[in-house]
N, C-alpha and C. Protein backbone atom coordinates (compact mmCIF):
# COMPACT_ATOMS: atom_id res chain seq x y z
N MET A 1 15.20 -21.62 -33.33
CA MET A 1 16.14 -20.95 -32.46
C MET A 1 15.46 -19.87 -31.63
N ILE A 2 14.64 -19.03 -32.29
CA ILE A 2 13.96 -17.94 -31.58
C ILE A 2 12.95 -18.51 -30.59
N ARG A 3 12.23 -19.58 -31.01
CA ARG A 3 11.27 -20.20 -30.10
C ARG A 3 11.97 -20.77 -28.87
N ARG A 4 13.10 -21.39 -29.07
CA ARG A 4 13.85 -21.95 -27.95
C ARG A 4 14.31 -20.85 -27.01
N LEU A 5 14.79 -19.75 -27.57
CA LEU A 5 15.23 -18.62 -26.76
C LEU A 5 14.06 -18.04 -25.96
N ALA A 6 12.90 -17.93 -26.60
CA ALA A 6 11.71 -17.42 -25.92
C ALA A 6 11.29 -18.37 -24.80
N SER A 7 11.40 -19.68 -25.03
CA SER A 7 11.05 -20.66 -24.00
C SER A 7 11.98 -20.55 -22.80
N VAL A 8 13.26 -20.39 -23.06
CA VAL A 8 14.25 -20.26 -21.98
C VAL A 8 13.98 -18.98 -21.19
N ALA A 9 13.69 -17.89 -21.88
CA ALA A 9 13.41 -16.62 -21.20
C ALA A 9 12.16 -16.74 -20.34
N ALA A 10 11.11 -17.37 -20.87
CA ALA A 10 9.87 -17.55 -20.11
C ALA A 10 10.11 -18.41 -18.88
N ALA A 11 10.88 -19.48 -19.02
CA ALA A 11 11.18 -20.35 -17.89
C ALA A 11 11.97 -19.61 -16.82
N ALA A 12 12.89 -18.75 -17.24
CA ALA A 12 13.68 -17.98 -16.28
C ALA A 12 12.80 -17.01 -15.51
N MET A 13 11.85 -16.37 -16.20
CA MET A 13 10.95 -15.44 -15.52
C MET A 13 10.06 -16.17 -14.52
N LEU A 14 9.55 -17.33 -14.91
CA LEU A 14 8.72 -18.10 -13.99
C LEU A 14 9.52 -18.57 -12.78
N ALA A 15 10.74 -18.98 -12.98
CA ALA A 15 11.58 -19.42 -11.87
C ALA A 15 11.85 -18.28 -10.91
N ALA A 16 12.01 -17.07 -11.43
CA ALA A 16 12.26 -15.91 -10.57
C ALA A 16 11.05 -15.60 -9.70
N CYS A 17 9.86 -15.89 -10.21
CA CYS A 17 8.63 -15.62 -9.47
C CYS A 17 8.28 -16.72 -8.49
N ALA A 18 8.95 -17.83 -8.55
CA ALA A 18 8.58 -18.99 -7.76
C ALA A 18 9.17 -18.97 -6.35
N GLY A 19 9.81 -17.90 -5.96
CA GLY A 19 10.39 -17.81 -4.62
C GLY A 19 9.32 -17.81 -3.54
N THR A 20 9.74 -17.85 -2.31
CA THR A 20 8.82 -17.85 -1.19
C THR A 20 8.10 -16.51 -1.14
N PRO A 21 6.75 -16.49 -1.09
CA PRO A 21 6.02 -15.23 -1.04
C PRO A 21 6.25 -14.52 0.29
N LEU A 22 6.25 -13.21 0.25
CA LEU A 22 6.42 -12.41 1.46
C LEU A 22 5.09 -12.32 2.19
N ALA A 23 5.13 -12.41 3.50
CA ALA A 23 3.92 -12.23 4.28
C ALA A 23 3.58 -10.75 4.32
N PRO A 24 2.29 -10.38 4.20
CA PRO A 24 1.94 -8.97 4.23
C PRO A 24 2.20 -8.38 5.61
N ALA A 25 2.70 -7.16 5.62
CA ALA A 25 2.93 -6.48 6.89
C ALA A 25 1.60 -5.96 7.42
N ILE A 26 1.48 -5.90 8.71
CA ILE A 26 0.27 -5.38 9.34
C ILE A 26 0.56 -3.96 9.79
N PRO A 27 -0.37 -3.02 9.53
CA PRO A 27 -0.14 -1.64 9.96
C PRO A 27 0.18 -1.56 11.45
N ASP A 28 0.92 -0.51 11.83
CA ASP A 28 1.37 -0.35 13.21
C ASP A 28 0.24 -0.23 14.22
N ALA A 29 -0.88 0.37 13.83
CA ALA A 29 -1.99 0.52 14.77
C ALA A 29 -2.62 -0.85 15.02
N PRO A 30 -2.96 -1.19 16.27
CA PRO A 30 -3.40 -2.54 16.60
C PRO A 30 -4.64 -3.00 15.84
N ASP A 31 -5.61 -2.13 15.62
CA ASP A 31 -6.85 -2.56 14.99
C ASP A 31 -6.99 -2.04 13.56
N ALA A 32 -5.91 -1.55 12.98
CA ALA A 32 -5.99 -0.93 11.65
C ALA A 32 -6.41 -1.94 10.58
N ALA A 33 -6.17 -3.21 10.78
CA ALA A 33 -6.53 -4.20 9.77
C ALA A 33 -8.00 -4.58 9.83
N VAL A 34 -8.71 -4.12 10.87
CA VAL A 34 -10.11 -4.46 11.04
C VAL A 34 -10.96 -3.33 10.47
N PRO A 35 -11.67 -3.56 9.36
CA PRO A 35 -12.49 -2.51 8.79
C PRO A 35 -13.66 -2.15 9.69
N SER A 36 -14.07 -0.88 9.68
CA SER A 36 -15.17 -0.45 10.54
C SER A 36 -16.50 -0.47 9.79
N SER A 37 -16.50 -0.69 8.49
CA SER A 37 -17.72 -0.83 7.71
C SER A 37 -17.41 -1.72 6.51
N PRO A 38 -18.45 -2.23 5.85
CA PRO A 38 -18.20 -3.12 4.71
C PRO A 38 -17.39 -2.46 3.59
N ASN A 39 -17.50 -1.14 3.42
CA ASN A 39 -16.76 -0.45 2.36
C ASN A 39 -15.38 0.00 2.81
N ASP A 40 -15.11 -0.04 4.10
CA ASP A 40 -13.82 0.39 4.64
C ASP A 40 -12.96 -0.86 4.84
N THR A 41 -12.44 -1.38 3.76
CA THR A 41 -11.73 -2.65 3.79
C THR A 41 -10.34 -2.58 4.39
N CYS A 42 -9.84 -1.36 4.63
CA CYS A 42 -8.48 -1.22 5.15
C CYS A 42 -8.42 -0.51 6.50
N GLY A 43 -9.54 -0.08 7.03
CA GLY A 43 -9.55 0.61 8.32
C GLY A 43 -9.26 2.10 8.21
N ALA A 44 -9.37 2.68 7.02
CA ALA A 44 -9.06 4.10 6.81
C ALA A 44 -9.93 5.03 7.65
N SER A 45 -11.17 4.65 7.90
CA SER A 45 -12.07 5.54 8.65
C SER A 45 -11.54 5.82 10.06
N MET A 46 -10.73 4.93 10.60
CA MET A 46 -10.18 5.15 11.95
C MET A 46 -9.19 6.31 11.95
N TYR A 47 -8.68 6.69 10.78
CA TYR A 47 -7.66 7.74 10.69
C TYR A 47 -8.17 9.02 10.05
N LYS A 48 -9.46 9.10 9.70
CA LYS A 48 -10.01 10.28 9.03
C LYS A 48 -9.80 11.55 9.86
N GLY A 49 -9.75 11.44 11.18
CA GLY A 49 -9.54 12.58 12.05
C GLY A 49 -8.15 13.19 11.91
N LEU A 50 -7.24 12.49 11.24
CA LEU A 50 -5.87 13.00 11.06
C LEU A 50 -5.72 13.82 9.78
N ILE A 51 -6.79 13.92 8.98
CA ILE A 51 -6.72 14.77 7.78
C ILE A 51 -6.48 16.20 8.24
N GLY A 52 -5.52 16.85 7.62
CA GLY A 52 -5.11 18.20 8.02
C GLY A 52 -3.88 18.21 8.91
N GLN A 53 -3.49 17.02 9.40
CA GLN A 53 -2.30 16.89 10.25
C GLN A 53 -1.08 16.53 9.38
N SER A 54 0.09 16.53 9.99
CA SER A 54 1.33 16.17 9.27
C SER A 54 1.38 14.67 9.00
N ILE A 55 1.84 14.31 7.82
CA ILE A 55 2.00 12.90 7.47
C ILE A 55 3.08 12.23 8.33
N ASN A 56 3.93 13.04 8.95
CA ASN A 56 4.98 12.52 9.83
C ASN A 56 4.58 12.59 11.30
N GLY A 57 3.36 12.99 11.56
CA GLY A 57 2.91 13.15 12.94
C GLY A 57 2.60 11.83 13.62
N PRO A 58 2.30 11.89 14.92
CA PRO A 58 1.98 10.68 15.68
C PRO A 58 0.59 10.15 15.33
N GLY A 59 0.40 8.87 15.57
CA GLY A 59 -0.91 8.26 15.41
C GLY A 59 -1.16 7.64 14.05
N LEU A 60 -0.25 7.82 13.12
CA LEU A 60 -0.41 7.23 11.78
C LEU A 60 0.42 5.96 11.68
N PRO A 61 -0.13 4.94 11.02
CA PRO A 61 0.70 3.76 10.80
C PRO A 61 1.82 4.11 9.81
N GLY A 62 2.97 3.53 10.00
CA GLY A 62 4.10 3.78 9.10
C GLY A 62 3.92 3.06 7.78
N PRO A 63 4.69 3.45 6.78
CA PRO A 63 4.61 2.78 5.49
C PRO A 63 4.93 1.29 5.60
N SER A 64 4.19 0.47 4.89
CA SER A 64 4.40 -0.98 4.89
C SER A 64 3.78 -1.55 3.63
N ASN A 65 3.65 -2.87 3.57
CA ASN A 65 2.99 -3.50 2.42
C ASN A 65 1.53 -3.11 2.32
N LEU A 66 0.91 -2.76 3.46
CA LEU A 66 -0.51 -2.43 3.47
C LEU A 66 -0.79 -0.96 3.76
N VAL A 67 0.23 -0.13 3.82
CA VAL A 67 0.05 1.31 4.06
C VAL A 67 0.99 2.07 3.13
N ARG A 68 0.42 2.98 2.33
CA ARG A 68 1.25 3.81 1.45
C ARG A 68 1.14 5.26 1.89
N HIS A 69 2.28 5.90 2.08
CA HIS A 69 2.34 7.34 2.31
C HIS A 69 2.65 7.96 0.95
N ILE A 70 1.73 8.76 0.44
CA ILE A 70 1.87 9.31 -0.91
C ILE A 70 1.97 10.82 -0.83
N VAL A 71 3.07 11.35 -1.32
CA VAL A 71 3.29 12.80 -1.41
C VAL A 71 3.54 13.14 -2.87
N PRO A 72 3.38 14.42 -3.25
CA PRO A 72 3.64 14.78 -4.65
C PRO A 72 5.01 14.28 -5.10
N GLY A 73 5.04 13.66 -6.26
CA GLY A 73 6.27 13.12 -6.80
C GLY A 73 6.49 11.65 -6.46
N SER A 74 5.67 11.10 -5.56
CA SER A 74 5.80 9.68 -5.21
C SER A 74 5.43 8.83 -6.41
N LYS A 75 6.15 7.74 -6.58
CA LYS A 75 5.81 6.77 -7.61
C LYS A 75 5.00 5.68 -6.94
N VAL A 76 3.79 5.47 -7.44
CA VAL A 76 2.92 4.44 -6.88
C VAL A 76 2.37 3.58 -8.01
N THR A 77 2.11 2.33 -7.68
CA THR A 77 1.53 1.43 -8.66
C THR A 77 0.04 1.71 -8.77
N ALA A 78 -0.54 1.35 -9.89
CA ALA A 78 -1.97 1.59 -10.11
C ALA A 78 -2.82 0.39 -9.71
N ASP A 79 -2.19 -0.65 -9.15
CA ASP A 79 -2.96 -1.82 -8.75
C ASP A 79 -3.84 -1.51 -7.55
N TYR A 80 -4.99 -2.16 -7.46
CA TYR A 80 -5.91 -1.94 -6.37
C TYR A 80 -5.80 -3.09 -5.38
N MET A 81 -5.60 -2.74 -4.11
CA MET A 81 -5.58 -3.73 -3.03
C MET A 81 -6.55 -3.23 -1.97
N ALA A 82 -7.66 -3.93 -1.79
CA ALA A 82 -8.71 -3.49 -0.88
C ALA A 82 -8.21 -3.30 0.55
N ARG A 83 -7.24 -4.10 0.99
CA ARG A 83 -6.76 -4.01 2.37
C ARG A 83 -5.66 -2.97 2.56
N ARG A 84 -5.21 -2.33 1.45
CA ARG A 84 -4.13 -1.35 1.56
C ARG A 84 -4.71 0.05 1.80
N MET A 85 -4.11 0.78 2.72
CA MET A 85 -4.51 2.15 3.02
C MET A 85 -3.56 3.12 2.32
N ASN A 86 -4.15 4.11 1.67
CA ASN A 86 -3.38 5.17 1.02
C ASN A 86 -3.54 6.44 1.84
N ILE A 87 -2.43 7.01 2.27
CA ILE A 87 -2.45 8.27 3.01
C ILE A 87 -1.78 9.29 2.11
N GLU A 88 -2.57 10.23 1.58
CA GLU A 88 -2.06 11.19 0.62
C GLU A 88 -1.88 12.55 1.28
N ALA A 89 -0.73 13.17 1.02
CA ALA A 89 -0.40 14.48 1.58
C ALA A 89 -0.04 15.45 0.48
N ASP A 90 -0.15 16.74 0.78
CA ASP A 90 0.24 17.76 -0.19
C ASP A 90 1.74 18.00 -0.10
N ILE A 91 2.22 18.96 -0.87
CA ILE A 91 3.67 19.23 -0.93
C ILE A 91 4.24 19.64 0.42
N GLY A 92 3.41 20.21 1.29
CA GLY A 92 3.86 20.61 2.62
C GLY A 92 3.81 19.48 3.65
N GLY A 93 3.35 18.30 3.23
CA GLY A 93 3.28 17.16 4.16
C GLY A 93 1.99 17.08 4.96
N THR A 94 0.99 17.88 4.58
CA THR A 94 -0.30 17.86 5.27
C THR A 94 -1.20 16.81 4.64
N ILE A 95 -1.75 15.94 5.46
CA ILE A 95 -2.62 14.86 4.96
C ILE A 95 -3.87 15.48 4.36
N ARG A 96 -4.20 15.09 3.13
CA ARG A 96 -5.37 15.59 2.41
C ARG A 96 -6.41 14.50 2.16
N LYS A 97 -5.98 13.24 2.17
CA LYS A 97 -6.91 12.16 1.84
C LYS A 97 -6.40 10.85 2.43
N ILE A 98 -7.33 10.06 2.97
CA ILE A 98 -7.01 8.73 3.46
C ILE A 98 -8.09 7.80 2.92
N ASN A 99 -7.66 6.78 2.16
CA ASN A 99 -8.63 5.85 1.59
C ASN A 99 -8.02 4.48 1.40
N CYS A 100 -8.86 3.55 0.99
CA CYS A 100 -8.40 2.19 0.74
C CYS A 100 -8.08 2.02 -0.74
N GLY A 101 -7.18 1.14 -1.04
CA GLY A 101 -6.86 0.85 -2.44
C GLY A 101 -5.43 0.58 -2.61
């Protein structure tokens, strides 16, 4: 009985995951998906000049599947995605770090 219940639960979970995959969103900046060096897999170096600016200011790609805006208290996953850009700001909304992951 327990094995059958476990089998049904496993099948239900697999069926839920079998939906159509979502296409990844592309950052708002036209060339943001093109890395500028082999280690810059998400194009973060193009935005390094915005460190010290407001996270809500112009010139930054908006949040998407490949861009995370992270402020204190944000809940973020610990998974690593080389093409995803992380834009981290302090409590006042000032950008402190931009990196890939």
